Amino acid sequence: MRARHIAAAAAAALTLAALTAPAAVSASAPAACSENDLTLRAEPSDTSDGVIKVSVRNDSGRACTVDVAPTVTYGDLDGAAQPRPATEAGSYELAAHASAYAAVRSLAASSDSADRPEQPPTVPSLRVAASPEQSGRGFQAMTLGAPTGLPVWEPVTTPWEASAARAEQVVQDQTSGWFQA
């Protein structure tokens, strides 16, 4: 009889541990960053023609997460810049008051020149968001070093990186053979 009580108590303890363990694990993972806690910036690269530097800063006092790469859209064109290298869905953790950096290139040379228009579409602005579900912040082409608009053909973005220099190196490595307008 006593062995049954011990076995029942052990089973109850294991059940309780199994029910509470996931809550304990998820409580330690940072939550998604609130859009109100983020500062987004975009500016032309000082070292690479046709590259836009993007940054996100976590202004909150706690760590939080953003998407693994920024969502960059162009004017009224459909779609967004594609992450290069290709990334799986995931998140990037930003410590309190920390920043992350990405680089964006808007114009690519197609491997088949017949696929490329003579004059790519040009847009007056782009929008950057830290996660696809956020509305992000808009930037005018003029402030990004493109007073006549941003030409767009096969745009790409890097995943978030720890430094702006690293993001620019990644976009250069990923887009060798691309052309500038």
Protein backbone atom coordinates (compact mmCIF):
# COMPACT_ATOMS: atom_id res chain seq x y z
CA MET A 1 0.00 0.00 0.00
CA ARG A 2 2.79 2.41 0.88
CA ALA A 3 4.55 1.66 -2.46
CA ARG A 4 1.34 2.67 -4.29
CA HIS A 5 1.25 6.02 -2.49
CA ILE A 6 4.90 6.67 -3.30
CA ALA A 7 4.34 5.71 -6.96
CA ALA A 8 1.24 7.94 -7.16
CA ALA A 9 3.11 10.85 -5.59
CA ALA A 10 6.03 10.38 -8.00
CA ALA A 11 3.66 10.27 -10.99
CA ALA A 12 1.92 13.43 -9.79
CA ALA A 13 5.26 15.18 -9.36
CA LEU A 14 6.38 14.17 -12.87
CA THR A 15 3.08 15.34 -14.35
CA LEU A 16 3.35 18.65 -12.54
CA ALA A 17 6.95 19.09 -13.73
CA ALA A 18 5.97 18.31 -17.32
CA LEU A 19 3.11 20.82 -17.19
CA THR A 20 5.21 23.63 -15.74
CA ALA A 21 8.51 23.08 -17.61
CA PRO A 22 7.48 24.73 -20.92
CA ALA A 23 6.27 27.81 -19.08
CA ALA A 24 9.60 28.14 -17.31
CA VAL A 25 11.53 27.84 -20.59
CA SER A 26 9.37 30.33 -22.50
CA ALA A 27 9.46 32.82 -19.63
CA SER A 28 13.21 33.24 -20.11
CA ALA A 29 13.04 33.83 -23.89
CA PRO A 30 12.79 37.52 -24.86
CA ALA A 31 9.47 38.70 -26.26
CA ALA A 32 9.12 40.32 -29.66
CA CYS A 33 10.14 43.97 -29.69
CA SER A 34 7.31 46.46 -29.61
CA GLU A 35 7.49 48.79 -32.59
CA ASN A 36 7.29 51.73 -30.17
CA ASP A 37 10.55 50.57 -28.53
CA LEU A 38 12.53 50.59 -31.80
CA THR A 39 14.37 53.30 -33.71
CA LEU A 40 14.94 52.55 -37.40
CA ARG A 41 17.44 54.43 -39.55
CA ALA A 42 18.47 54.26 -43.21
CA GLU A 43 21.23 56.15 -45.01
CA PRO A 44 23.43 55.73 -48.07
CA SER A 45 26.65 53.81 -47.60
CA ASP A 46 29.82 55.88 -47.38
CA THR A 47 31.87 53.13 -49.01
CA SER A 48 29.59 51.20 -51.40
CA ASP A 49 27.66 52.76 -54.29
CA GLY A 50 24.07 51.60 -54.49
CA VAL A 51 24.02 50.26 -50.92
CA ILE A 52 21.78 51.57 -48.17
CA LYS A 53 22.76 51.02 -44.54
CA VAL A 54 19.87 50.17 -42.22
CA SER A 55 19.90 49.97 -38.44
CA VAL A 56 17.47 49.15 -35.66
CA ARG A 57 17.99 50.15 -32.03
CA ASN A 58 16.16 48.67 -29.05
CA ASP A 59 15.31 51.71 -26.92
CA SER A 60 13.69 49.64 -24.18
CA GLY A 61 15.32 48.52 -20.95
CA ARG A 62 14.90 44.81 -21.76
CA ALA A 63 16.08 42.39 -24.43
CA CYS A 64 13.61 41.65 -27.21
CA THR A 65 13.57 40.06 -30.65
CA VAL A 66 13.04 41.25 -34.22
CA ASP A 67 12.79 39.19 -37.39
CA VAL A 68 16.06 37.65 -38.61
CA ALA A 69 16.23 40.23 -41.43
CA PRO A 70 14.56 43.60 -41.98
CA THR A 71 11.50 43.89 -44.19
CA VAL A 72 12.35 46.43 -46.91
CA THR A 73 9.69 47.49 -49.41
CA TYR A 74 9.92 50.00 -52.26
CA GLY A 75 7.30 52.66 -52.94
CA ASP A 76 4.17 51.03 -54.34
CA LEU A 77 5.99 47.99 -55.82
CA ASP A 78 4.87 44.53 -54.75
CA GLY A 79 7.12 42.37 -52.62
CA ALA A 80 10.11 43.03 -50.41
CA ALA A 81 13.88 42.76 -50.67
CA GLN A 82 14.96 39.14 -50.29
CA PRO A 83 17.43 38.17 -47.55
CA ARG A 84 20.89 37.20 -48.81
CA PRO A 85 22.20 34.81 -47.86
CA ALA A 86 18.82 33.11 -47.75
CA THR A 87 17.63 32.74 -44.18
CA GLU A 88 15.19 30.49 -42.44
CA ALA A 89 12.40 32.02 -40.42
CA GLY A 90 13.67 33.09 -37.07
CA SER A 91 14.47 35.99 -34.85
CA TYR A 92 17.40 38.18 -33.90
CA GLU A 93 17.81 39.13 -30.25
CA LEU A 94 18.51 42.76 -29.41
CA ALA A 95 19.83 43.47 -25.93
CA ALA A 96 18.48 46.50 -24.09
CA HIS A 97 19.70 49.69 -25.82
CA ALA A 98 21.59 47.65 -28.46
CA SER A 99 21.58 48.08 -32.24
CA ALA A 100 21.70 45.72 -35.21
CA TYR A 101 22.64 46.53 -38.80
CA ALA A 102 21.73 45.40 -42.31
CA ALA A 103 22.70 46.48 -45.81
CA VAL A 104 20.30 46.74 -48.75
CA ARG A 105 21.05 46.73 -52.46
CA SER A 106 18.18 47.64 -54.77
CA LEU A 107 19.56 46.90 -58.21
CA ALA A 108 20.83 43.60 -59.56
CA ALA A 109 22.13 42.38 -62.88
CA SER A 110 20.05 39.43 -63.97
CA SER A 111 21.91 36.36 -65.19
CA ASP A 112 19.75 36.61 -68.31
CA SER A 113 19.83 40.18 -69.63
CA ALA A 114 16.58 39.50 -71.49
CA ASP A 115 14.89 39.31 -68.07
CA ARG A 116 16.15 42.75 -67.07
CA PRO A 117 14.32 45.87 -68.20
CA GLU A 118 16.40 48.57 -69.92
CA GLN A 119 15.23 51.02 -67.28
CA PRO A 120 14.25 49.43 -63.96
CA PRO A 121 11.28 50.85 -62.05
CA THR A 122 12.18 53.88 -59.94
CA VAL A 123 10.45 54.67 -56.67
CA PRO A 124 10.46 57.82 -54.52
CA SER A 125 10.85 56.02 -51.19
CA LEU A 126 11.41 52.80 -49.31
CA ARG A 127 10.01 51.46 -46.04
CA VAL A 128 11.97 49.49 -43.45
CA ALA A 129 10.42 47.39 -40.68
CA ALA A 130 12.15 45.25 -38.06
CA SER A 131 9.52 42.54 -38.47
CA PRO A 132 6.95 41.87 -41.24
CA GLU A 133 3.97 42.50 -38.95
CA GLN A 134 5.21 46.00 -38.09
CA SER A 135 4.50 49.05 -40.26
CA GLY A 136 8.08 50.34 -40.04
CA ARG A 137 9.42 53.72 -41.10
CA GLY A 138 9.52 55.35 -44.52
CA PHE A 139 12.58 57.05 -46.02
CA GLN A 140 12.60 59.37 -49.03
CA ALA A 141 14.93 58.50 -51.92
CA MET A 142 16.49 61.97 -51.76
CA THR A 143 17.73 61.36 -48.21
CA LEU A 144 19.17 58.03 -49.35
CA GLY A 145 21.40 59.59 -51.99
CA ALA A 146 18.99 59.08 -54.91
CA PRO A 147 17.46 62.49 -55.76
CA THR A 148 15.77 61.13 -58.92
CA GLY A 149 14.42 58.03 -57.15
CA LEU A 150 15.61 54.55 -56.24
CA PRO A 151 15.94 52.18 -59.21
CA VAL A 152 14.72 48.73 -58.17
CA TRP A 153 15.47 45.38 -59.77
CA GLU A 154 15.83 42.17 -57.70
CA PRO A 155 16.45 43.95 -54.35
CA VAL A 156 18.17 42.12 -51.50
CA THR A 157 18.90 42.74 -47.84
CA THR A 158 21.30 41.11 -45.43
CA PRO A 159 20.14 39.55 -42.18
CA TRP A 160 20.71 41.72 -39.11
CA GLU A 161 24.40 41.84 -38.19
CA ALA A 162 26.31 43.03 -35.13
CA SER A 163 28.09 45.80 -37.07
CA ALA A 164 27.42 48.03 -40.07
CA ALA A 165 30.79 47.05 -41.57
CA ARG A 166 29.86 43.36 -41.39
CA ALA A 167 26.47 44.00 -43.03
CA GLU A 168 28.15 45.91 -45.89
CA GLN A 169 30.69 43.11 -46.36
CA VAL A 170 27.90 40.52 -46.52
CA VAL A 171 25.94 42.49 -49.13
CA GLN A 172 29.12 42.95 -51.19
CA ASP A 173 29.93 39.23 -51.00
CA GLN A 174 26.35 38.25 -51.86
CA THR A 175 25.95 40.66 -54.78
CA SER A 176 29.25 40.52 -56.64
CA GLY A 177 28.53 40.94 -60.34
CA TRP A 178 25.63 43.34 -59.71
CA PHE A 179 25.44 46.62 -61.53
CA GLN A 180 24.64 50.13 -60.41
CA ALA A 181 22.43 52.48 -62.37
